[in-house]
C-alpha cells in the first residue's frame, strides 16, 4: 500500500490522449503532476504522493515544504465548523484539513480565511492526511528570544497559540512575543495577524506586547490638544495650571477654564503630566507618547 504524504520513486507507465502521464508503483497507478512534459515510458519519477480531492492518487514533483517532520506556513482557504479549517500547503488539487479537535473550543478563536498557520502533516488509520499544528516547543526552536527591547517599538506578528492567560506571537522577524490578556481589548484568534507595541521583556526573553492603543488616543480632544502643546514646547511644559486666570487660558488655548481643568484631570489620570502652581509639564511616560 502507498503511504500518503511520503516521497517515493515510481516508473512512468502510460500517457493518455490529453498528454497526461501516469506512473506505477507496487501495482498502484498514480497521476503525474510535473512541470516536465517530455517523460518517456519507464522513466523514474520521484515525488510526493497523496490522494487528491477526486480520490485519485497523485505523485507530484513539486514537493511541499510541509511534511511529517517538516513544518511550514500554510494559508487557510476555507473554514467548516463541522470539520475544521482547510489549509493550502502548495498541492495543486488538495487542501489539508486541520481538524476541529486541534482547534480552540470557541469558534470565534478559530483561524479565518487567508490567515497563516504553521503546520506539519500526520496520517490517520485510514491513510488520510491531516494538518498538525506546530506547538510552542517548535516555535521556541525556530524563533528568537530577545536580550533587550525598545519600548513602544511597533511590531507585527502572527498568533500561534491562544490561552486564557494571553496570546503567543511569532513576530515577522521571528522574535517571540506574548500578549497578556490585560493588554488586548479583544482576544485575537489563532493565525491572526496583529500589530502592537513592545512594552517590556519577559523573563524567558519573549517580548511583552500590547495590542491596546496608547492612552493618548483614549483621552479627550481637549486633552490631546494640551498634549500637543506640551510635546512641541522646548521644555515640554507650560506655565498654566488649574488656578490660572480663565481669560489667559481662553486666550492661549481657546477653551474655557472648566474644559482646561477637565483636560488636565484626564492627563493626570493617565500619569502623562504633573501640575502645580508653577505650571504643567510632561512626565517620563508623557515624553514616550507617540500618535
C-alpha atoms as a PDB file:
ATOM      1  CA  UNK A   1       0.000   0.000   0.000  1.00  0.00           C
ATOM      2  CA  UNK A   2       1.169   3.518  -0.787  1.00  0.00           C
ATOM      3  CA  UNK A   3       1.600   5.670   2.285  1.00  0.00           C
ATOM      4  CA  UNK A   4       0.012   9.060   1.756  1.00  0.00           C
ATOM      5  CA  UNK A   5       2.309  12.032   2.320  1.00  0.00           C
ATOM      6  CA  UNK A   6       5.554  10.177   1.613  1.00  0.00           C
ATOM      7  CA  UNK A   7       8.181  10.802  -1.049  1.00  0.00           C
ATOM      8  CA  UNK A   8       8.565   7.817  -3.361  1.00  0.00           C
ATOM      9  CA  UNK A   9      10.075   6.825  -6.687  1.00  0.00           C
ATOM     10  CA  UNK A  10       7.810   5.361  -9.387  1.00  0.00           C
ATOM     11  CA  UNK A  11       8.107   4.498 -13.080  1.00  0.00           C
ATOM     12  CA  UNK A  12       6.268   6.296 -15.884  1.00  0.00           C
ATOM     13  CA  UNK A  13       3.835   3.729 -17.267  1.00  0.00           C
ATOM     14  CA  UNK A  14       1.404   5.468 -19.597  1.00  0.00           C
ATOM     15  CA  UNK A  15       0.273   8.637 -21.347  1.00  0.00           C
ATOM     16  CA  UNK A  16      -3.293   9.378 -22.459  1.00  0.00           C
ATOM     17  CA  UNK A  17      -4.668  11.422 -25.357  1.00  0.00           C
ATOM     18  CA  UNK A  18      -4.772  14.535 -23.171  1.00  0.00           C
ATOM     19  CA  UNK A  19      -0.986  14.255 -22.711  1.00  0.00           C
ATOM     20  CA  UNK A  20      -1.401  13.294 -19.065  1.00  0.00           C
ATOM     21  CA  UNK A  21       1.236  10.949 -17.680  1.00  0.00           C
ATOM     22  CA  UNK A  22       0.760   8.092 -15.252  1.00  0.00           C
ATOM     23  CA  UNK A  23       3.212   6.193 -13.084  1.00  0.00           C
ATOM     24  CA  UNK A  24       3.166   2.792 -11.424  1.00  0.00           C
ATOM     25  CA  UNK A  25       4.481   1.654  -8.070  1.00  0.00           C
ATOM     26  CA  UNK A  26       3.611  -1.633  -6.351  1.00  0.00           C
ATOM     27  CA  UNK A  27       0.754  -2.136  -8.799  1.00  0.00           C
ATOM     28  CA  UNK A  28      -0.796   1.255  -7.978  1.00  0.00           C
ATOM     29  CA  UNK A  29      -1.408   3.780 -10.770  1.00  0.00           C
ATOM     30  CA  UNK A  30      -0.586   7.405  -9.987  1.00  0.00           C
ATOM     31  CA  UNK A  31      -1.484  10.575 -11.851  1.00  0.00           C
ATOM     32  CA  UNK A  32       1.690  12.540 -12.555  1.00  0.00           C
ATOM     33  CA  UNK A  33       1.850  16.240 -11.729  1.00  0.00           C
ATOM     34  CA  UNK A  34       5.049  17.781 -13.013  1.00  0.00           C
ATOM     35  CA  UNK A  35       6.285  20.776 -14.981  1.00  0.00           C
ATOM     36  CA  UNK A  36       8.294  18.358 -17.073  1.00  0.00           C
ATOM     37  CA  UNK A  37       6.378  17.386 -20.213  1.00  0.00           C
ATOM     38  CA  UNK A  38       8.780  15.037 -22.027  1.00  0.00           C
ATOM     39  CA  UNK A  39       8.515  11.940 -19.860  1.00  0.00           C
ATOM     40  CA  UNK A  40       9.167   8.611 -21.560  1.00  0.00           C
ATOM     41  CA  UNK A  41       7.904   5.182 -20.615  1.00  0.00           C
ATOM     42  CA  UNK A  42       9.874   3.565 -17.789  1.00  0.00           C
ATOM     43  CA  UNK A  43      11.419   6.903 -16.742  1.00  0.00           C
ATOM     44  CA  UNK A  44      11.741   7.128 -12.975  1.00  0.00           C
ATOM     45  CA  UNK A  45       9.943   9.941 -11.190  1.00  0.00           C
ATOM     46  CA  UNK A  46      10.465  10.931  -7.565  1.00  0.00           C
ATOM     47  CA  UNK A  47       7.811  12.949  -5.823  1.00  0.00           C
ATOM     48  CA  UNK A  48       5.298  13.498  -3.060  1.00  0.00           C
ATOM     49  CA  UNK A  49       2.343  11.121  -3.178  1.00  0.00           C
ATOM     50  CA  UNK A  50      -1.182  11.865  -1.967  1.00  0.00           C
ATOM     51  CA  UNK A  51      -4.865  11.347  -2.740  1.00  0.00           C
ATOM     52  CA  UNK A  52      -6.455  14.412  -4.327  1.00  0.00           C
ATOM     53  CA  UNK A  53      -9.946  15.867  -3.964  1.00  0.00           C
ATOM     54  CA  UNK A  54     -11.217  13.499  -6.686  1.00  0.00           C
ATOM     55  CA  UNK A  55      -9.926  10.481  -4.758  1.00  0.00           C
ATOM     56  CA  UNK A  56      -7.185  10.000  -7.346  1.00  0.00           C
ATOM     57  CA  UNK A  57      -3.673   9.077  -6.288  1.00  0.00           C
ATOM     58  CA  UNK A  58      -1.152  11.673  -7.447  1.00  0.00           C
ATOM     59  CA  UNK A  59       2.619  11.924  -7.479  1.00  0.00           C
ATOM     60  CA  UNK A  60       3.925  15.489  -7.749  1.00  0.00           C
ATOM     61  CA  UNK A  61       7.497  16.572  -8.295  1.00  0.00           C
ATOM     62  CA  UNK A  62       6.658  19.881  -6.594  1.00  0.00           C
ATOM     63  CA  UNK A  63       7.283  18.636  -3.071  1.00  0.00           C
ATOM     64  CA  UNK A  64       5.618  20.869  -0.446  1.00  0.00           C
ATOM     65  CA  UNK A  65       7.607  22.404   2.378  1.00  0.00           C
ATOM     66  CA  UNK A  66       5.184  20.742   4.803  1.00  0.00           C
ATOM     67  CA  UNK A  67       5.732  17.087   5.713  1.00  0.00           C
ATOM     68  CA  UNK A  68       5.690  14.594   8.567  1.00  0.00           C
ATOM     69  CA  UNK A  69       8.855  16.038  10.070  1.00  0.00           C
ATOM     70  CA  UNK A  70       8.721  19.391   8.297  1.00  0.00           C
ATOM     71  CA  UNK A  71       6.732  22.421   9.422  1.00  0.00           C
ATOM     72  CA  UNK A  72       5.989  25.485   7.345  1.00  0.00           C
ATOM     73  CA  UNK A  73       3.326  28.143   6.960  1.00  0.00           C
ATOM     74  CA  UNK A  74       0.184  27.322   5.017  1.00  0.00           C
ATOM     75  CA  UNK A  75      -2.734  29.589   4.160  1.00  0.00           C
ATOM     76  CA  UNK A  76      -6.279  28.983   5.368  1.00  0.00           C
ATOM     77  CA  UNK A  77      -8.598  28.747   2.349  1.00  0.00           C
ATOM     78  CA  UNK A  78     -11.842  27.568   3.946  1.00  0.00           C
ATOM     79  CA  UNK A  79     -13.456  27.047   7.342  1.00  0.00           C
ATOM     80  CA  UNK A  80     -16.018  24.365   8.160  1.00  0.00           C
ATOM     81  CA  UNK A  81     -17.431  24.301  11.666  1.00  0.00           C
ATOM     82  CA  UNK A  82     -18.260  20.589  11.360  1.00  0.00           C
ATOM     83  CA  UNK A  83     -14.759  19.578  10.271  1.00  0.00           C
ATOM     84  CA  UNK A  84     -12.049  22.180  10.793  1.00  0.00           C
ATOM     85  CA  UNK A  85     -10.053  24.525   8.564  1.00  0.00           C
ATOM     86  CA  UNK A  86      -8.654  23.768   5.109  1.00  0.00           C
ATOM     87  CA  UNK A  87      -5.048  24.799   4.511  1.00  0.00           C
ATOM     88  CA  UNK A  88      -3.228  25.329   1.233  1.00  0.00           C
ATOM     89  CA  UNK A  89       0.263  23.827   1.536  1.00  0.00           C
ATOM     90  CA  UNK A  90       1.071  24.064  -2.151  1.00  0.00           C
ATOM     91  CA  UNK A  91      -0.506  20.914  -3.566  1.00  0.00           C
ATOM     92  CA  UNK A  92      -2.237  21.575  -6.921  1.00  0.00           C
ATOM     93  CA  UNK A  93      -5.555  19.886  -6.197  1.00  0.00           C
ATOM     94  CA  UNK A  94      -5.779  19.249  -2.475  1.00  0.00           C
ATOM     95  CA  UNK A  95      -6.039  21.288   0.703  1.00  0.00           C
ATOM     96  CA  UNK A  96      -5.114  19.735   4.046  1.00  0.00           C
ATOM     97  CA  UNK A  97      -7.578  19.841   6.944  1.00  0.00           C
ATOM     98  CA  UNK A  98      -6.653  20.898  10.452  1.00  0.00           C
ATOM     99  CA  UNK A  99      -9.238  19.019  12.496  1.00  0.00           C
ATOM    100  CA  UNK A 100     -11.651  20.798  14.817  1.00  0.00           C
ATOM    101  CA  UNK A 101     -10.197  18.539  17.528  1.00  0.00           C
ATOM    102  CA  UNK A 102      -6.957  20.524  17.234  1.00  0.00           C
ATOM    103  CA  UNK A 103      -8.658  23.925  17.251  1.00  0.00           C
ATOM    104  CA  UNK A 104      -9.856  26.099  20.165  1.00  0.00           C
ATOM    105  CA  UNK A 105     -13.197  25.204  21.704  1.00  0.00           C
ATOM    106  CA  UNK A 106     -14.522  28.706  20.995  1.00  0.00           C
ATOM    107  CA  UNK A 107     -15.301  29.093  17.303  1.00  0.00           C
ATOM    108  CA  UNK A 108     -14.511  32.806  17.458  1.00  0.00           C
ATOM    109  CA  UNK A 109     -10.868  31.867  18.116  1.00  0.00           C
ATOM    110  CA  UNK A 110     -10.628  29.680  15.008  1.00  0.00           C
ATOM    111  CA  UNK A 111      -8.440  30.808  12.126  1.00  0.00           C
ATOM    112  CA  UNK A 112     -10.163  32.698   9.330  1.00  0.00           C
ATOM    113  CA  UNK A 113      -9.717  32.634   5.579  1.00  0.00           C
ATOM    114  CA  UNK A 114      -6.314  33.993   4.456  1.00  0.00           C
ATOM    115  CA  UNK A 115      -4.769  33.527   7.921  1.00  0.00           C
ATOM    116  CA  UNK A 116      -1.458  31.669   8.067  1.00  0.00           C
ATOM    117  CA  UNK A 117      -0.752  28.648  10.255  1.00  0.00           C
ATOM    118  CA  UNK A 118       2.488  26.774  10.752  1.00  0.00           C
ATOM    119  CA  UNK A 119       1.680  23.114  10.256  1.00  0.00           C
ATOM    120  CA  UNK A 120       3.176  19.720   9.566  1.00  0.00           C
ATOM    121  CA  UNK A 121       1.445  16.544   8.405  1.00  0.00           C
ATOM    122  CA  UNK A 122       0.068  13.479  10.131  1.00  0.00           C
ATOM    123  CA  UNK A 123      -1.845  10.466   8.816  1.00  0.00           C
ATOM    124  CA  UNK A 124      -4.732   8.571  10.385  1.00  0.00           C
ATOM    125  CA  UNK A 125      -5.527   4.840  10.389  1.00  0.00           C
ATOM    126  CA  UNK A 126      -7.369   5.258   7.072  1.00  0.00           C
ATOM    127  CA  UNK A 127      -4.233   6.658   5.401  1.00  0.00           C
ATOM    128  CA  UNK A 128      -5.757  10.151   5.238  1.00  0.00           C
ATOM    129  CA  UNK A 129      -3.567  13.233   5.531  1.00  0.00           C
ATOM    130  CA  UNK A 130      -4.282  15.821   8.218  1.00  0.00           C
ATOM    131  CA  UNK A 131      -2.542  19.013   9.216  1.00  0.00           C
ATOM    132  CA  UNK A 132      -0.685  19.066  12.524  1.00  0.00           C
ATOM    133  CA  UNK A 133      -0.392  22.413  14.268  1.00  0.00           C
ATOM    134  CA  UNK A 134       3.111  23.418  15.359  1.00  0.00           C
ATOM    135  CA  UNK A 135       3.433  23.585  19.148  1.00  0.00           C
ATOM    136  CA  UNK A 136       5.216  26.092  21.373  1.00  0.00           C
ATOM    137  CA  UNK A 137       8.383  23.985  21.558  1.00  0.00           C
ATOM    138  CA  UNK A 138       8.802  24.213  17.797  1.00  0.00           C
ATOM    139  CA  UNK A 139       8.320  27.984  17.822  1.00  0.00           C
ATOM    140  CA  UNK A 140      10.891  28.284  20.603  1.00  0.00           C
ATOM    141  CA  UNK A 141      13.284  26.300  18.403  1.00  0.00           C
ATOM    142  CA  UNK A 142      12.825  28.437  15.291  1.00  0.00           C
ATOM    143  CA  UNK A 143      12.119  31.782  16.976  1.00  0.00           C
ATOM    144  CA  UNK A 144      14.425  34.229  18.715  1.00  0.00           C
ATOM    145  CA  UNK A 145      14.391  35.310  22.338  1.00  0.00           C
ATOM    146  CA  UNK A 146      15.301  38.954  22.952  1.00  0.00           C
ATOM    147  CA  UNK A 147      18.135  40.142  25.180  1.00  0.00           C
ATOM    148  CA  UNK A 148      16.848  43.731  25.120  1.00  0.00           C
ATOM    149  CA  UNK A 149      13.902  45.725  23.854  1.00  0.00           C
ATOM    150  CA  UNK A 150      12.888  49.158  22.628  1.00  0.00           C
ATOM    151  CA  UNK A 151       9.849  50.431  24.461  1.00  0.00           C
ATOM    152  CA  UNK A 152       6.885  51.285  22.219  1.00  0.00           C
ATOM    153  CA  UNK A 153       8.538  49.706  19.181  1.00  0.00           C
ATOM    154  CA  UNK A 154       5.807  48.848  16.691  1.00  0.00           C
ATOM    155  CA  UNK A 155       5.822  45.138  15.851  1.00  0.00           C
ATOM    156  CA  UNK A 156       3.722  42.814  13.717  1.00  0.00           C
ATOM    157  CA  UNK A 157       3.278  39.106  14.165  1.00  0.00           C
ATOM    158  CA  UNK A 158       1.059  36.051  13.934  1.00  0.00           C
ATOM    159  CA  UNK A 159      -0.827  34.423  16.811  1.00  0.00           C
ATOM    160  CA  UNK A 160       0.294  30.798  17.022  1.00  0.00           C
ATOM    161  CA  UNK A 161      -1.178  29.817  20.392  1.00  0.00           C
ATOM    162  CA  UNK A 162      -4.202  31.102  22.289  1.00  0.00           C
ATOM    163  CA  UNK A 163      -4.590  30.662  26.030  1.00  0.00           C
ATOM    164  CA  UNK A 164      -6.748  32.260  28.671  1.00  0.00           C
ATOM    165  CA  UNK A 165      -3.706  33.973  30.141  1.00  0.00           C
ATOM    166  CA  UNK A 166      -2.730  35.515  26.801  1.00  0.00           C
ATOM    167  CA  UNK A 167      -1.731  35.137  23.149  1.00  0.00           C
ATOM    168  CA  UNK A 168       1.625  33.804  21.926  1.00  0.00           C
ATOM    169  CA  UNK A 169       3.153  35.519  18.878  1.00  0.00           C
ATOM    170  CA  UNK A 170       5.774  34.871  16.245  1.00  0.00           C
ATOM    171  CA  UNK A 171       6.828  38.322  15.062  1.00  0.00           C
ATOM    172  CA  UNK A 172       7.610  38.984  11.420  1.00  0.00           C
ATOM    173  CA  UNK A 173      11.350  38.991  12.197  1.00  0.00           C
ATOM    174  CA  UNK A 174      10.964  35.690  14.101  1.00  0.00           C
ATOM    175  CA  UNK A 175      11.309  37.196  17.555  1.00  0.00           C
ATOM    176  CA  UNK A 176       8.909  35.643  20.045  1.00  0.00           C
ATOM    177  CA  UNK A 177       6.247  37.726  21.732  1.00  0.00           C
ATOM    178  CA  UNK A 178       3.443  37.403  24.246  1.00  0.00           C
ATOM    179  CA  UNK A 179       0.284  39.457  24.750  1.00  0.00           C
ATOM    180  CA  UNK A 180      -1.082  39.240  28.287  1.00  0.00           C
ATOM    181  CA  UNK A 181      -4.872  39.076  28.448  1.00  0.00           C
ATOM    182  CA  UNK A 182      -4.909  42.536  30.078  1.00  0.00           C
ATOM    183  CA  UNK A 183      -3.100  44.028  27.067  1.00  0.00           C
ATOM    184  CA  UNK A 184      -5.746  43.225  24.466  1.00  0.00           C
ATOM    185  CA  UNK A 185      -9.222  44.670  24.022  1.00  0.00           C
ATOM    186  CA  UNK A 186     -10.472  41.630  22.103  1.00  0.00           C
ATOM    187  CA  UNK A 187      -8.827  38.225  22.110  1.00  0.00           C
ATOM    188  CA  UNK A 188      -7.159  37.634  18.722  1.00  0.00           C
ATOM    189  CA  UNK A 189      -7.854  34.343  17.011  1.00  0.00           C
ATOM    190  CA  UNK A 190      -5.396  31.623  16.067  1.00  0.00           C
ATOM    191  CA  UNK A 191      -3.451  32.592  12.956  1.00  0.00           C
ATOM    192  CA  UNK A 192      -4.472  36.240  13.155  1.00  0.00           C
ATOM    193  CA  UNK A 193      -2.001  38.884  12.024  1.00  0.00           C
ATOM    194  CA  UNK A 194      -1.720  41.547  14.720  1.00  0.00           C
ATOM    195  CA  UNK A 195       0.111  44.826  15.176  1.00  0.00           C
ATOM    196  CA  UNK A 196       1.131  46.066  18.594  1.00  0.00           C
ATOM    197  CA  UNK A 197       3.832  47.807  20.582  1.00  0.00           C
ATOM    198  CA  UNK A 198       6.564  46.461  22.813  1.00  0.00           C
ATOM    199  CA  UNK A 199       6.040  47.286  26.479  1.00  0.00           C
ATOM    200  CA  UNK A 200       8.636  45.038  28.097  1.00  0.00           C
ATOM    201  CA  UNK A 201      10.571  41.805  28.110  1.00  0.00           C
ATOM    202  CA  UNK A 202       9.540  38.625  29.899  1.00  0.00           C
ATOM    203  CA  UNK A 203      11.904  36.513  31.988  1.00  0.00           C
ATOM    204  CA  UNK A 204      12.267  33.890  29.264  1.00  0.00           C
ATOM    205  CA  UNK A 205      13.192  36.516  26.663  1.00  0.00           C
ATOM    206  CA  UNK A 206       9.861  36.866  24.899  1.00  0.00           C
ATOM    207  CA  UNK A 207       8.854  40.428  24.151  1.00  0.00           C
ATOM    208  CA  UNK A 208       5.824  41.637  26.069  1.00  0.00           C
ATOM    209  CA  UNK A 209       3.487  43.173  23.504  1.00  0.00           C
ATOM    210  CA  UNK A 210       0.388  45.300  23.979  1.00  0.00           C
ATOM    211  CA  UNK A 211      -2.433  45.422  21.447  1.00  0.00           C
ATOM    212  CA  UNK A 212      -4.136  48.216  23.342  1.00  0.00           C
ATOM    213  CA  UNK A 213      -3.842  51.752  21.980  1.00  0.00           C
ATOM    214  CA  UNK A 214      -1.617  54.190  23.785  1.00  0.00           C
ATOM    215  CA  UNK A 215      -3.543  56.156  26.352  1.00  0.00           C
ATOM    216  CA  UNK A 216      -3.045  59.204  24.151  1.00  0.00           C
ATOM    217  CA  UNK A 217      -5.775  58.029  21.805  1.00  0.00           C
ATOM    218  CA  UNK A 218      -8.078  57.305  24.722  1.00  0.00           C
ATOM    219  CA  UNK A 219      -8.069  60.856  26.095  1.00  0.00           C
ATOM    220  CA  UNK A 220     -10.494  63.595  25.139  1.00  0.00           C
ATOM    221  CA  UNK A 221      -9.915  66.089  22.352  1.00  0.00           C
ATOM    222  CA  UNK A 222      -9.010  68.979  24.686  1.00  0.00           C
ATOM    223  CA  UNK A 223      -6.517  66.739  26.477  1.00  0.00           C
ATOM    224  CA  UNK A 224      -4.999  65.770  23.123  1.00  0.00           C
ATOM    225  CA  UNK A 225      -4.586  69.451  22.320  1.00  0.00           C
ATOM    226  CA  UNK A 226      -2.788  70.098  25.619  1.00  0.00           C
ATOM    227  CA  UNK A 227      -0.530  67.113  24.943  1.00  0.00           C
ATOM    228  CA  UNK A 228       0.346  68.515  21.523  1.00  0.00           C
ATOM    229  CA  UNK A 229       1.266  71.869  23.084  1.00  0.00           C
ATOM    230  CA  UNK A 230       3.427  70.190  25.723  1.00  0.00           C
ATOM    231  CA  UNK A 231       5.169  67.922  23.227  1.00  0.00           C
ATOM    232  CA  UNK A 232       6.016  70.844  20.942  1.00  0.00           C
ATOM    233  CA  UNK A 233       7.290  73.043  23.765  1.00  0.00           C
ATOM    234  CA  UNK A 234      11.126  73.099  24.085  1.00  0.00           C
ATOM    235  CA  UNK A 235      10.854  72.309  27.805  1.00  0.00           C
ATOM    236  CA  UNK A 236       7.764  70.104  27.387  1.00  0.00           C
ATOM    237  CA  UNK A 237       5.917  72.389  29.774  1.00  0.00           C
ATOM    238  CA  UNK A 238       3.733  75.485  30.029  1.00  0.00           C
ATOM    239  CA  UNK A 239       3.038  77.949  32.839  1.00  0.00           C
ATOM    240  CA  UNK A 240      -0.694  77.287  33.075  1.00  0.00           C
ATOM    241  CA  UNK A 241      -2.359  75.228  35.822  1.00  0.00           C
ATOM    242  CA  UNK A 242      -5.787  74.756  37.384  1.00  0.00           C
ATOM    243  CA  UNK A 243      -5.525  78.077  39.276  1.00  0.00           C
ATOM    244  CA  UNK A 244      -4.601  80.129  36.209  1.00  0.00           C
ATOM    245  CA  UNK A 245      -6.757  83.058  35.125  1.00  0.00           C
ATOM    246  CA  UNK A 246      -9.716  81.943  32.959  1.00  0.00           C
ATOM    247  CA  UNK A 247      -9.129  84.767  30.472  1.00  0.00           C
ATOM    248  CA  UNK A 248      -5.477  83.762  29.997  1.00  0.00           C
ATOM    249  CA  UNK A 249      -6.494  80.133  29.458  1.00  0.00           C
ATOM    250  CA  UNK A 250      -9.139  81.169  26.928  1.00  0.00           C
ATOM    251  CA  UNK A 251      -6.674  83.425  25.114  1.00  0.00           C
ATOM    252  CA  UNK A 252      -3.875  80.847  24.922  1.00  0.00           C
ATOM    253  CA  UNK A 253      -5.757  77.575  24.435  1.00  0.00           C
ATOM    254  CA  UNK A 254      -9.110  78.738  23.066  1.00  0.00           C
ATOM    255  CA  UNK A 255     -11.079  76.728  25.647  1.00  0.00           C
ATOM    256  CA  UNK A 256     -12.848  77.573  28.893  1.00  0.00           C
ATOM    257  CA  UNK A 257     -11.198  77.108  32.269  1.00  0.00           C
ATOM    258  CA  UNK A 258     -13.654  74.313  33.038  1.00  0.00           C
ATOM    259  CA  UNK A 259     -12.660  72.452  29.872  1.00  0.00           C
ATOM    260  CA  UNK A 260      -8.997  73.116  30.670  1.00  0.00           C
ATOM    261  CA  UNK A 261      -9.341  71.621  34.160  1.00  0.00           C
ATOM    262  CA  UNK A 262     -11.131  68.567  32.795  1.00  0.00           C
ATOM    263  CA  UNK A 263      -8.348  68.062  30.253  1.00  0.00           C
ATOM    264  CA  UNK A 264      -5.703  68.380  32.979  1.00  0.00           C
ATOM    265  CA  UNK A 265      -7.581  65.841  35.070  1.00  0.00           C
ATOM    266  CA  UNK A 266      -7.683  63.445  32.134  1.00  0.00           C
ATOM    267  CA  UNK A 267      -3.939  63.726  31.606  1.00  0.00           C
ATOM    268  CA  UNK A 268      -3.239  63.377  35.328  1.00  0.00           C
ATOM    269  CA  UNK A 269      -5.361  60.232  35.396  1.00  0.00           C
ATOM    270  CA  UNK A 270      -3.130  58.690  32.747  1.00  0.00           C
ATOM    271  CA  UNK A 271       0.014  59.970  34.546  1.00  0.00           C
ATOM    272  CA  UNK A 272       1.106  61.910  31.496  1.00  0.00           C
ATOM    273  CA  UNK A 273       1.708  65.196  33.332  1.00  0.00           C
ATOM    274  CA  UNK A 274       2.486  66.787  36.640  1.00  0.00           C
ATOM    275  CA  UNK A 275       0.973  70.155  37.518  1.00  0.00           C
ATOM    276  CA  UNK A 276       1.320  72.659  40.354  1.00  0.00           C
ATOM    277  CA  UNK A 277       1.311  76.423  40.876  1.00  0.00           C
ATOM    278  CA  UNK A 278       4.469  76.699  38.773  1.00  0.00           C
ATOM    279  CA  UNK A 279       2.827  75.188  35.708  1.00  0.00           C
ATOM    280  CA  UNK A 280       2.362  71.869  33.919  1.00  0.00           C
ATOM    281  CA  UNK A 281       4.929  69.524  32.377  1.00  0.00           C
ATOM    282  CA  UNK A 282       5.136  66.081  30.837  1.00  0.00           C
ATOM    283  CA  UNK A 283       6.155  63.067  32.890  1.00  0.00           C
ATOM    284  CA  UNK A 284       8.583  60.454  31.570  1.00  0.00           C
ATOM    285  CA  UNK A 285       5.544  58.473  30.482  1.00  0.00           C
ATOM    286  CA  UNK A 286       4.218  61.507  28.659  1.00  0.00           C
ATOM    287  CA  UNK A 287       7.551  62.007  26.904  1.00  0.00           C
ATOM    288  CA  UNK A 288       7.332  58.477  25.465  1.00  0.00           C
ATOM    289  CA  UNK A 289       3.969  59.016  23.838  1.00  0.00           C
ATOM    290  CA  UNK A 290       3.599  58.986  20.077  1.00  0.00           C
ATOM    291  CA  UNK A 291       0.490  59.450  17.979  1.00  0.00           C
END
